Amino acid sequence: MIDPNHPVRVINQVIDSLDIDILIRKYEQQEKILGNRNSYSKTDPDATFMRMKEDHMLNGQLKPGYNLQISTENQYIIGYTIHQTTNDTTTLQAHIESLNDNLGKMPDTLVADAGYGSEENYEYLENNDVEAFVKYQYFHKEQSKKWKDDPYRTDNLPYDEKDDSYTCPMGRKMDFIREKVRITDNGFRQVNRLYQAQNCNGCPVREACNKCKGNRRIEINPKLNHYKSIIRERLSSERGIKYRSQRPVDVEAVFGIIKGNKNYRKFLLRGLEKVEIEAGLLALAHNLSKIASRN
């Protein structure tokens, strides 16, 4: 019911209602632009804010950009994809699919650094008969004596397959308590198993072993550990060592040539479609330059 004695108040209420409606529509439009991202640029809505390695301000500023992924063979670019995420792990499958479309087949072997090592990617490569020489996080650190001799590290705890339990450094059992399911950004279902010590009270090495309150709890991904054992063996083989030394010479050198020698450090166009075309022209120019240098 409208009160004729308070017209200003009624008008203000109508204006507030309109403002809220405008804000809701604006918010919905912004959500549509974002998609699965957490940011976008007003000057280029397809670009995502990323922390760049080359920052002339030296203060770690976030800047709008794209994630360029390339595959190389003897420093020739045989495939490229543009992504709107900073996480390299989530880009691998789409990149391999693009390679398959362009080359007409999956690559026989894939060599990549630890940024691409995940259960999701290992399973995908195995299912597509791609031999993976892809590092995982802490691959190099686990080779050190300090890592191997640390009795409190989860990776070094003895496992009893019969009882499905781990044993802490003081010889106490850590029993399975439950599973923990995590869904990745790509929709992959990852299952971790949680184990907990029975009683950490009065343990003489508690400060070194368990930093949290209560009994120590560890999280194990059996499937990932299985893949890691396979990858560890491959990377430690003669072929693996060769591929590991070849990778930076092959793919990192291409980025070095483009960024350092050609001084090409940022895309000139805006919008995902235009940036993809620009990346294609850049790859073509690089390959033609390599061919010309051989003649």
C-alpha atoms as a PDB file:
ATOM      1  CA  MET A   1       0.000   0.000   0.000  1.00  0.00           C
ATOM      2  CA  ILE A   2       1.442   3.399  -1.010  1.00  0.00           C
ATOM      3  CA  ASP A   3       1.607   6.084   1.642  1.00  0.00           C
ATOM      4  CA  PRO A   4       0.910   9.497  -0.002  1.00  0.00           C
ATOM      5  CA  ASN A   5       2.705  11.208   2.866  1.00  0.00           C
ATOM      6  CA  HIS A   6       6.003   9.532   1.972  1.00  0.00           C
ATOM      7  CA  PRO A   7       6.412   9.834  -1.839  1.00  0.00           C
ATOM      8  CA  VAL A   8      10.185  10.219  -1.652  1.00  0.00           C
ATOM      9  CA  ARG A   9      10.537   6.960   0.233  1.00  0.00           C
ATOM     10  CA  VAL A  10       8.398   5.105  -2.338  1.00  0.00           C
ATOM     11  CA  ILE A  11      10.458   6.514  -5.235  1.00  0.00           C
ATOM     12  CA  ASN A  12      13.664   5.482  -3.489  1.00  0.00           C
ATOM     13  CA  GLN A  13      12.313   1.960  -3.022  1.00  0.00           C
ATOM     14  CA  VAL A  14      11.485   1.724  -6.734  1.00  0.00           C
ATOM     15  CA  ILE A  15      14.957   2.998  -7.680  1.00  0.00           C
ATOM     16  CA  ASP A  16      16.609   0.512  -5.306  1.00  0.00           C
ATOM     17  CA  SER A  17      14.603  -2.315  -6.861  1.00  0.00           C
ATOM     18  CA  LEU A  18      15.684  -1.276 -10.357  1.00  0.00           C
ATOM     19  CA  ASP A  19      19.333  -1.025  -9.257  1.00  0.00           C
ATOM     20  CA  ILE A  20      19.251  -4.542  -7.815  1.00  0.00           C
ATOM     21  CA  ASP A  21      17.719  -5.893 -11.035  1.00  0.00           C
ATOM     22  CA  ILE A  22      20.464  -4.214 -13.092  1.00  0.00           C
ATOM     23  CA  LEU A  23      23.164  -5.585 -10.793  1.00  0.00           C
ATOM     24  CA  ILE A  24      21.751  -9.122 -11.050  1.00  0.00           C
ATOM     25  CA  ARG A  25      21.717  -8.969 -14.872  1.00  0.00           C
ATOM     26  CA  LYS A  26      25.256  -7.574 -14.867  1.00  0.00           C
ATOM     27  CA  TYR A  27      26.419 -10.332 -12.514  1.00  0.00           C
ATOM     28  CA  GLU A  28      24.832 -13.037 -14.689  1.00  0.00           C
ATOM     29  CA  GLN A  29      26.516 -11.587 -17.776  1.00  0.00           C
ATOM     30  CA  GLN A  30      29.888 -11.574 -16.002  1.00  0.00           C
ATOM     31  CA  GLU A  31      29.403 -15.196 -14.906  1.00  0.00           C
ATOM     32  CA  LYS A  32      28.669 -16.172 -18.497  1.00  0.00           C
ATOM     33  CA  ILE A  33      31.901 -14.528 -19.679  1.00  0.00           C
ATOM     34  CA  LEU A  34      33.910 -16.161 -16.871  1.00  0.00           C
ATOM     35  CA  GLY A  35      32.777 -19.710 -17.538  1.00  0.00           C
ATOM     36  CA  ASN A  36      35.147 -21.937 -15.519  1.00  0.00           C
ATOM     37  CA  ARG A  37      37.702 -19.160 -15.056  1.00  0.00           C
ATOM     38  CA  ASN A  38      38.231 -16.971 -12.005  1.00  0.00           C
ATOM     39  CA  SER A  39      38.981 -13.727 -13.860  1.00  0.00           C
ATOM     40  CA  TYR A  40      38.818 -11.951 -17.197  1.00  0.00           C
ATOM     41  CA  SER A  41      40.030  -8.680 -18.653  1.00  0.00           C
ATOM     42  CA  LYS A  42      37.654  -5.838 -19.508  1.00  0.00           C
ATOM     43  CA  THR A  43      39.803  -4.955 -22.531  1.00  0.00           C
ATOM     44  CA  ASP A  44      39.826  -8.604 -23.717  1.00  0.00           C
ATOM     45  CA  PRO A  45      37.139 -10.752 -22.058  1.00  0.00           C
ATOM     46  CA  ASP A  46      38.708 -13.933 -23.510  1.00  0.00           C
ATOM     47  CA  ALA A  47      41.984 -13.252 -21.667  1.00  0.00           C
ATOM     48  CA  THR A  48      42.548 -14.481 -18.104  1.00  0.00           C
ATOM     49  CA  PHE A  49      44.673 -12.684 -15.521  1.00  0.00           C
ATOM     50  CA  MET A  50      47.940 -14.556 -15.059  1.00  0.00           C
ATOM     51  CA  ARG A  51      51.192 -13.989 -13.195  1.00  0.00           C
ATOM     52  CA  MET A  52      53.790 -13.577 -15.919  1.00  0.00           C
ATOM     53  CA  LYS A  53      57.363 -14.850 -15.661  1.00  0.00           C
ATOM     54  CA  GLU A  54      58.695 -11.755 -17.433  1.00  0.00           C
ATOM     55  CA  ASP A  55      57.527  -8.826 -15.336  1.00  0.00           C
ATOM     56  CA  HIS A  56      59.386  -5.597 -16.057  1.00  0.00           C
ATOM     57  CA  MET A  57      57.915  -4.060 -12.884  1.00  0.00           C
ATOM     58  CA  LEU A  58      59.413  -6.921 -10.832  1.00  0.00           C
ATOM     59  CA  ASN A  59      56.461  -6.899  -8.448  1.00  0.00           C
ATOM     60  CA  GLY A  60      54.520  -9.952  -9.592  1.00  0.00           C
ATOM     61  CA  GLN A  61      51.649  -8.121 -11.214  1.00  0.00           C
ATOM     62  CA  LEU A  62      48.742 -10.070 -12.645  1.00  0.00           C
ATOM     63  CA  LYS A  63      48.209  -9.337 -16.333  1.00  0.00           C
ATOM     64  CA  PRO A  64      45.655 -10.550 -18.894  1.00  0.00           C
ATOM     65  CA  GLY A  65      47.063 -13.305 -21.064  1.00  0.00           C
ATOM     66  CA  TYR A  66      46.738 -16.722 -22.701  1.00  0.00           C
ATOM     67  CA  ASN A  67      48.540 -19.991 -22.066  1.00  0.00           C
ATOM     68  CA  LEU A  68      50.330 -21.095 -25.249  1.00  0.00           C
ATOM     69  CA  GLN A  69      51.120 -24.815 -25.436  1.00  0.00           C
ATOM     70  CA  ILE A  70      53.374 -26.210 -28.160  1.00  0.00           C
ATOM     71  CA  SER A  71      54.674 -29.622 -29.210  1.00  0.00           C
ATOM     72  CA  THR A  72      58.030 -29.815 -30.974  1.00  0.00           C
ATOM     73  CA  GLU A  73      60.164 -32.285 -32.886  1.00  0.00           C
ATOM     74  CA  ASN A  74      63.808 -31.302 -33.446  1.00  0.00           C
ATOM     75  CA  GLN A  75      62.812 -27.707 -32.584  1.00  0.00           C
ATOM     76  CA  TYR A  76      60.054 -27.628 -35.231  1.00  0.00           C
ATOM     77  CA  ILE A  77      56.574 -26.762 -33.926  1.00  0.00           C
ATOM     78  CA  ILE A  78      54.272 -29.634 -34.884  1.00  0.00           C
ATOM     79  CA  GLY A  79      51.279 -28.475 -32.855  1.00  0.00           C
ATOM     80  CA  TYR A  80      50.027 -25.567 -30.772  1.00  0.00           C
ATOM     81  CA  THR A  81      46.961 -24.747 -28.668  1.00  0.00           C
ATOM     82  CA  ILE A  82      45.790 -21.669 -26.784  1.00  0.00           C
ATOM     83  CA  HIS A  83      44.252 -22.012 -23.311  1.00  0.00           C
ATOM     84  CA  GLN A  84      42.514 -19.650 -20.909  1.00  0.00           C
ATOM     85  CA  THR A  85      43.971 -21.194 -17.749  1.00  0.00           C
ATOM     86  CA  THR A  86      47.313 -20.872 -15.972  1.00  0.00           C
ATOM     87  CA  ASN A  87      47.342 -24.546 -14.951  1.00  0.00           C
ATOM     88  CA  ASP A  88      49.388 -26.574 -17.453  1.00  0.00           C
ATOM     89  CA  THR A  89      48.039 -29.847 -16.041  1.00  0.00           C
ATOM     90  CA  THR A  90      44.532 -29.211 -17.361  1.00  0.00           C
ATOM     91  CA  THR A  91      45.753 -28.321 -20.871  1.00  0.00           C
ATOM     92  CA  LEU A  92      47.435 -31.596 -21.819  1.00  0.00           C
ATOM     93  CA  GLN A  93      44.422 -33.618 -22.965  1.00  0.00           C
ATOM     94  CA  ALA A  94      43.005 -30.866 -25.188  1.00  0.00           C
ATOM     95  CA  HIS A  95      46.471 -30.312 -26.633  1.00  0.00           C
ATOM     96  CA  ILE A  96      46.955 -34.003 -27.443  1.00  0.00           C
ATOM     97  CA  GLU A  97      43.499 -34.160 -29.031  1.00  0.00           C
ATOM     98  CA  SER A  98      44.473 -31.222 -31.231  1.00  0.00           C
ATOM     99  CA  LEU A  99      47.671 -33.032 -32.236  1.00  0.00           C
ATOM    100  CA  ASN A 100      45.656 -36.108 -33.103  1.00  0.00           C
ATOM    101  CA  ASP A 101      43.296 -34.050 -35.306  1.00  0.00           C
ATOM    102  CA  ASN A 102      46.148 -32.309 -37.129  1.00  0.00           C
ATOM    103  CA  LEU A 103      48.543 -35.236 -37.525  1.00  0.00           C
ATOM    104  CA  GLY A 104      45.957 -37.975 -37.971  1.00  0.00           C
ATOM    105  CA  LYS A 105      47.400 -40.055 -35.115  1.00  0.00           C
ATOM    106  CA  MET A 106      48.351 -39.938 -31.492  1.00  0.00           C
ATOM    107  CA  PRO A 107      52.048 -39.419 -30.726  1.00  0.00           C
ATOM    108  CA  ASP A 108      53.897 -42.631 -29.881  1.00  0.00           C
ATOM    109  CA  THR A 109      55.905 -40.964 -27.108  1.00  0.00           C
ATOM    110  CA  LEU A 110      55.340 -37.857 -25.019  1.00  0.00           C
ATOM    111  CA  VAL A 111      58.038 -36.085 -23.027  1.00  0.00           C
ATOM    112  CA  ALA A 112      56.975 -33.297 -20.662  1.00  0.00           C
ATOM    113  CA  ASP A 113      57.974 -31.657 -17.396  1.00  0.00           C
ATOM    114  CA  ALA A 114      56.386 -32.000 -13.960  1.00  0.00           C
ATOM    115  CA  GLY A 115      53.732 -29.376 -14.703  1.00  0.00           C
ATOM    116  CA  TYR A 116      51.801 -32.044 -16.624  1.00  0.00           C
ATOM    117  CA  GLY A 117      52.266 -34.960 -14.219  1.00  0.00           C
ATOM    118  CA  SER A 118      48.936 -36.036 -12.722  1.00  0.00           C
ATOM    119  CA  GLU A 119      46.852 -39.175 -12.287  1.00  0.00           C
ATOM    120  CA  GLU A 120      44.342 -37.827 -14.785  1.00  0.00           C
ATOM    121  CA  ASN A 121      46.968 -37.247 -17.485  1.00  0.00           C
ATOM    122  CA  TYR A 122      48.803 -40.528 -16.877  1.00  0.00           C
ATOM    123  CA  GLU A 123      45.556 -42.472 -17.223  1.00  0.00           C
ATOM    124  CA  TYR A 124      44.608 -40.572 -20.384  1.00  0.00           C
ATOM    125  CA  LEU A 125      47.981 -41.238 -22.025  1.00  0.00           C
ATOM    126  CA  GLU A 126      47.913 -44.911 -21.048  1.00  0.00           C
ATOM    127  CA  ASN A 127      44.386 -45.355 -22.433  1.00  0.00           C
ATOM    128  CA  ASN A 128      45.515 -43.832 -25.736  1.00  0.00           C
ATOM    129  CA  ASP A 129      48.674 -45.973 -25.992  1.00  0.00           C
ATOM    130  CA  VAL A 130      51.010 -42.984 -25.621  1.00  0.00           C
ATOM    131  CA  GLU A 131      54.255 -43.882 -23.857  1.00  0.00           C
ATOM    132  CA  ALA A 132      54.633 -41.163 -21.243  1.00  0.00           C
ATOM    133  CA  PHE A 133      57.949 -39.760 -20.071  1.00  0.00           C
ATOM    134  CA  VAL A 134      56.233 -37.108 -17.989  1.00  0.00           C
ATOM    135  CA  LYS A 135      57.771 -36.067 -14.687  1.00  0.00           C
ATOM    136  CA  TYR A 136      55.690 -35.695 -11.551  1.00  0.00           C
ATOM    137  CA  GLN A 137      56.076 -33.264  -8.685  1.00  0.00           C
ATOM    138  CA  TYR A 138      59.154 -33.879  -6.511  1.00  0.00           C
ATOM    139  CA  PHE A 139      60.628 -36.397  -8.973  1.00  0.00           C
ATOM    140  CA  HIS A 140      64.095 -34.888  -8.582  1.00  0.00           C
ATOM    141  CA  LYS A 141      63.804 -34.255  -4.836  1.00  0.00           C
ATOM    142  CA  GLU A 142      62.900 -37.865  -4.088  1.00  0.00           C
ATOM    143  CA  GLN A 143      66.230 -38.943  -5.600  1.00  0.00           C
ATOM    144  CA  SER A 144      68.143 -37.131  -2.845  1.00  0.00           C
ATOM    145  CA  LYS A 145      69.569 -38.919   0.204  1.00  0.00           C
ATOM    146  CA  LYS A 146      67.792 -36.477   2.515  1.00  0.00           C
ATOM    147  CA  TRP A 147      64.409 -37.451   1.045  1.00  0.00           C
ATOM    148  CA  LYS A 148      65.083 -41.200   1.153  1.00  0.00           C
ATOM    149  CA  ASP A 149      66.424 -41.118   4.725  1.00  0.00           C
ATOM    150  CA  ASP A 150      63.531 -39.104   6.165  1.00  0.00           C
ATOM    151  CA  PRO A 151      61.537 -41.674   8.239  1.00  0.00           C
ATOM    152  CA  TYR A 152      58.636 -39.263   8.797  1.00  0.00           C
ATOM    153  CA  ARG A 153      57.877 -38.659   5.129  1.00  0.00           C
ATOM    154  CA  THR A 154      54.656 -40.313   3.985  1.00  0.00           C
ATOM    155  CA  ASP A 155      56.341 -41.922   0.972  1.00  0.00           C
ATOM    156  CA  ASN A 156      58.785 -43.713   3.288  1.00  0.00           C
ATOM    157  CA  LEU A 157      56.251 -45.226   5.697  1.00  0.00           C
ATOM    158  CA  PRO A 158      56.059 -49.053   5.466  1.00  0.00           C
ATOM    159  CA  TYR A 159      52.808 -50.398   4.035  1.00  0.00           C
ATOM    160  CA  ASP A 160      51.187 -53.705   5.015  1.00  0.00           C
ATOM    161  CA  GLU A 161      49.089 -54.870   2.068  1.00  0.00           C
ATOM    162  CA  LYS A 162      47.460 -57.660   4.092  1.00  0.00           C
ATOM    163  CA  ASP A 163      46.110 -55.347   6.796  1.00  0.00           C
ATOM    164  CA  ASP A 164      45.832 -52.312   4.506  1.00  0.00           C
ATOM    165  CA  SER A 165      47.727 -50.216   7.019  1.00  0.00           C
ATOM    166  CA  TYR A 166      50.850 -48.092   7.316  1.00  0.00           C
ATOM    167  CA  THR A 167      53.347 -48.098  10.174  1.00  0.00           C
ATOM    168  CA  CYS A 168      54.620 -44.887  11.722  1.00  0.00           C
ATOM    169  CA  PRO A 169      58.320 -44.399  12.655  1.00  0.00           C
ATOM    170  CA  MET A 170      57.553 -45.553  16.212  1.00  0.00           C
ATOM    171  CA  GLY A 171      56.042 -48.831  14.984  1.00  0.00           C
ATOM    172  CA  ARG A 172      52.405 -47.902  15.570  1.00  0.00           C
ATOM    173  CA  LYS A 173      49.749 -48.823  13.019  1.00  0.00           C
ATOM    174  CA  MET A 174      47.947 -46.275  10.884  1.00  0.00           C
ATOM    175  CA  ASP A 175      44.629 -47.840   9.856  1.00  0.00           C
ATOM    176  CA  PHE A 176      42.430 -46.997   6.888  1.00  0.00           C
ATOM    177  CA  ILE A 177      39.492 -44.783   7.919  1.00  0.00           C
ATOM    178  CA  ARG A 178      37.757 -43.582   4.740  1.00  0.00           C
ATOM    179  CA  GLU A 179      38.035 -42.535   1.113  1.00  0.00           C
ATOM    180  CA  LYS A 180      38.152 -38.951  -0.060  1.00  0.00           C
ATOM    181  CA  VAL A 181      36.841 -38.122  -3.547  1.00  0.00           C
ATOM    182  CA  ARG A 182      38.028 -35.072  -5.461  1.00  0.00           C
ATOM    183  CA  ILE A 183      36.737 -33.874  -8.847  1.00  0.00           C
ATOM    184  CA  THR A 184      39.309 -32.029 -10.969  1.00  0.00           C
ATOM    185  CA  ASP A 185      38.602 -29.022 -13.193  1.00  0.00           C
ATOM    186  CA  ASN A 186      38.270 -31.424 -16.133  1.00  0.00           C
ATOM    187  CA  GLY A 187      35.702 -33.549 -14.284  1.00  0.00           C
ATOM    188  CA  PHE A 188      38.111 -36.381 -13.480  1.00  0.00           C
ATOM    189  CA  ARG A 189      37.214 -38.385 -10.349  1.00  0.00           C
ATOM    190  CA  GLN A 190      40.213 -38.838  -8.080  1.00  0.00           C
ATOM    191  CA  VAL A 191      39.983 -41.179  -5.071  1.00  0.00           C
ATOM    192  CA  ASN A 192      42.385 -40.811  -2.136  1.00  0.00           C
ATOM    193  CA  ARG A 193      42.543 -43.112   0.891  1.00  0.00           C
ATOM    194  CA  LEU A 194      42.938 -41.691   4.387  1.00  0.00           C
ATOM    195  CA  TYR A 195      44.858 -43.494   7.130  1.00  0.00           C
ATOM    196  CA  GLN A 196      45.138 -42.453  10.771  1.00  0.00           C
ATOM    197  CA  ALA A 197      47.398 -43.440  13.638  1.00  0.00           C
ATOM    198  CA  GLN A 198      45.688 -45.091  16.585  1.00  0.00           C
ATOM    199  CA  ASN A 199      47.267 -42.996  19.320  1.00  0.00           C
ATOM    200  CA  CYS A 200      49.914 -40.254  19.090  1.00  0.00           C
ATOM    201  CA  ASN A 201      49.618 -39.181  22.734  1.00  0.00           C
ATOM    202  CA  GLY A 202      52.937 -39.286  24.552  1.00  0.00           C
ATOM    203  CA  CYS A 203      54.894 -40.111  21.371  1.00  0.00           C
ATOM    204  CA  PRO A 204      58.531 -38.986  21.867  1.00  0.00           C
ATOM    205  CA  VAL A 205      58.887 -37.928  18.199  1.00  0.00           C
ATOM    206  CA  ARG A 206      55.497 -36.265  17.860  1.00  0.00           C
ATOM    207  CA  GLU A 207      56.899 -32.809  17.055  1.00  0.00           C
ATOM    208  CA  ALA A 208      58.990 -34.168  14.189  1.00  0.00           C
ATOM    209  CA  CYS A 209      56.309 -36.542  12.890  1.00  0.00           C
ATOM    210  CA  ASN A 210      52.945 -34.837  13.395  1.00  0.00           C
ATOM    211  CA  LYS A 211      52.509 -31.074  13.211  1.00  0.00           C
ATOM    212  CA  CYS A 212      48.700 -31.198  13.534  1.00  0.00           C
ATOM    213  CA  LYS A 213      46.438 -31.629  16.555  1.00  0.00           C
ATOM    214  CA  GLY A 214      45.186 -35.127  17.248  1.00  0.00           C
ATOM    215  CA  ASN A 215      46.524 -38.332  15.768  1.00  0.00           C
ATOM    216  CA  ARG A 216      48.557 -38.229  12.577  1.00  0.00           C
ATOM    217  CA  ARG A 217      46.576 -38.665   9.372  1.00  0.00           C
ATOM    218  CA  ILE A 218      48.003 -39.342   5.917  1.00  0.00           C
ATOM    219  CA  GLU A 219      46.391 -39.191   2.470  1.00  0.00           C
ATOM    220  CA  ILE A 220      47.355 -41.780  -0.142  1.00  0.00           C
ATOM    221  CA  ASN A 221      46.480 -41.951  -3.836  1.00  0.00           C
ATOM    222  CA  PRO A 222      47.158 -45.619  -4.769  1.00  0.00           C
ATOM    223  CA  LYS A 223      46.436 -45.129  -8.461  1.00  0.00           C
ATOM    224  CA  LEU A 224      48.764 -42.145  -8.748  1.00  0.00           C
ATOM    225  CA  ASN A 225      51.467 -44.017  -6.835  1.00  0.00           C
ATOM    226  CA  HIS A 226      51.112 -46.880  -9.324  1.00  0.00           C
ATOM    227  CA  TYR A 227      51.619 -44.522 -12.257  1.00  0.00           C
ATOM    228  CA  LYS A 228      54.508 -42.802 -10.490  1.00  0.00           C
ATOM    229  CA  SER A 229      56.333 -46.115 -10.064  1.00  0.00           C
ATOM    230  CA  ILE A 230      55.999 -46.736 -13.813  1.00  0.00           C
ATOM    231  CA  ILE A 231      57.108 -43.206 -14.707  1.00  0.00           C
ATOM    232  CA  ARG A 232      59.986 -43.359 -12.230  1.00  0.00           C
ATOM    233  CA  GLU A 233      61.308 -46.513 -13.886  1.00  0.00           C
ATOM    234  CA  ARG A 234      60.953 -45.015 -17.367  1.00  0.00           C
ATOM    235  CA  LEU A 235      62.633 -41.732 -16.487  1.00  0.00           C
ATOM    236  CA  SER A 236      65.511 -43.557 -14.793  1.00  0.00           C
ATOM    237  CA  SER A 237      66.141 -45.772 -17.834  1.00  0.00           C
ATOM    238  CA  GLU A 238      68.692 -44.993 -20.540  1.00  0.00           C
ATOM    239  CA  ARG A 239      65.921 -43.741 -22.839  1.00  0.00           C
ATOM    240  CA  GLY A 240      64.386 -41.701 -20.047  1.00  0.00           C
ATOM    241  CA  ILE A 241      67.643 -39.951 -19.217  1.00  0.00           C
ATOM    242  CA  LYS A 242      68.134 -39.187 -22.913  1.00  0.00           C
ATOM    243  CA  TYR A 243      64.630 -37.741 -23.262  1.00  0.00           C
ATOM    244  CA  ARG A 244      64.990 -35.710 -20.064  1.00  0.00           C
ATOM    245  CA  SER A 245      68.152 -34.058 -21.359  1.00  0.00           C
ATOM    246  CA  GLN A 246      66.658 -33.569 -24.817  1.00  0.00           C
ATOM    247  CA  ARG A 247      63.410 -31.923 -23.700  1.00  0.00           C
ATOM    248  CA  PRO A 248      64.792 -28.515 -22.653  1.00  0.00           C
ATOM    249  CA  VAL A 249      67.037 -28.420 -25.739  1.00  0.00           C
ATOM    250  CA  ASP A 250      64.042 -29.131 -27.968  1.00  0.00           C
ATOM    251  CA  VAL A 251      60.979 -27.307 -26.654  1.00  0.00           C
ATOM    252  CA  GLU A 252      62.501 -24.703 -24.325  1.00  0.00           C
ATOM    253  CA  ALA A 253      64.860 -23.602 -27.085  1.00  0.00           C
ATOM    254  CA  VAL A 254      61.858 -22.793 -29.293  1.00  0.00           C
ATOM    255  CA  PHE A 255      60.430 -20.459 -26.653  1.00  0.00           C
ATOM    256  CA  GLY A 256      63.905 -18.983 -26.259  1.00  0.00           C
ATOM    257  CA  ILE A 257      64.152 -18.281 -29.989  1.00  0.00           C
ATOM    258  CA  ILE A 258      60.682 -16.726 -30.140  1.00  0.00           C
ATOM    259  CA  LYS A 259      60.968 -14.633 -26.991  1.00  0.00           C
ATOM    260  CA  GLY A 260      64.695 -13.881 -26.901  1.00  0.00           C
ATOM    261  CA  ASN A 261      65.933 -13.871 -30.484  1.00  0.00           C
ATOM    262  CA  LYS A 262      62.727 -12.588 -32.107  1.00  0.00           C
ATOM    263  CA  ASN A 263      61.753 -10.410 -29.113  1.00  0.00           C
ATOM    264  CA  TYR A 264      58.155 -11.627 -29.434  1.00  0.00           C
ATOM    265  CA  ARG A 265      56.874 -11.459 -25.876  1.00  0.00           C
ATOM    266  CA  LYS A 266      53.175 -10.672 -26.167  1.00  0.00           C
ATOM    267  CA  PHE A 267      50.253 -11.240 -28.511  1.00  0.00           C
ATOM    268  CA  LEU A 268      49.305  -8.231 -30.600  1.00  0.00           C
ATOM    269  CA  LEU A 269      45.662  -9.195 -31.179  1.00  0.00           C
ATOM    270  CA  ARG A 270      42.750  -9.626 -28.767  1.00  0.00           C
ATOM    271  CA  GLY A 271      40.156 -12.359 -28.537  1.00  0.00           C
ATOM    272  CA  LEU A 272      40.697 -16.114 -28.416  1.00  0.00           C
ATOM    273  CA  GLU A 273      39.990 -16.700 -32.107  1.00  0.00           C
ATOM    274  CA  LYS A 274      42.386 -13.991 -33.279  1.00  0.00           C
ATOM    275  CA  VAL A 275      45.089 -15.045 -30.809  1.00  0.00           C
ATOM    276  CA  GLU A 276      44.875 -18.634 -32.111  1.00  0.00           C
ATOM    277  CA  ILE A 277      45.442 -17.334 -35.660  1.00  0.00           C
ATOM    278  CA  GLU A 278      48.349 -15.203 -34.456  1.00  0.00           C
ATOM    279  CA  ALA A 279      49.904 -18.203 -32.696  1.00  0.00           C
ATOM    280  CA  GLY A 280      49.553 -20.225 -35.906  1.00  0.00           C
ATOM    281  CA  LEU A 281      51.316 -17.540 -37.941  1.00  0.00           C
ATOM    282  CA  LEU A 282      54.024 -17.386 -35.282  1.00  0.00           C
ATOM    283  CA  ALA A 283      54.552 -21.173 -35.447  1.00  0.00           C
ATOM    284  CA  LEU A 284      54.620 -21.078 -39.260  1.00  0.00           C
ATOM    285  CA  ALA A 285      57.166 -18.257 -39.277  1.00  0.00           C
ATOM    286  CA  HIS A 286      59.355 -20.124 -36.795  1.00  0.00           C
ATOM    287  CA  ASN A 287      59.318 -23.318 -38.870  1.00  0.00           C
ATOM    288  CA  LEU A 288      60.049 -21.467 -42.129  1.00  0.00           C
ATOM    289  CA  SER A 289      62.929 -19.696 -40.426  1.00  0.00           C
ATOM    290  CA  LYS A 290      64.335 -23.057 -39.298  1.00  0.00           C
ATOM    291  CA  ILE A 291      64.067 -24.450 -42.845  1.00  0.00           C
ATOM    292  CA  ALA A 292      65.715 -21.361 -44.337  1.00  0.00           C
ATOM    293  CA  SER A 293      68.609 -21.555 -41.891  1.00  0.00           C
ATOM    294  CA  ARG A 294      69.390 -25.082 -43.092  1.00  0.00           C
ATOM    295  CA  ASN A 295      69.783 -24.016 -46.744  1.00  0.00           C
END
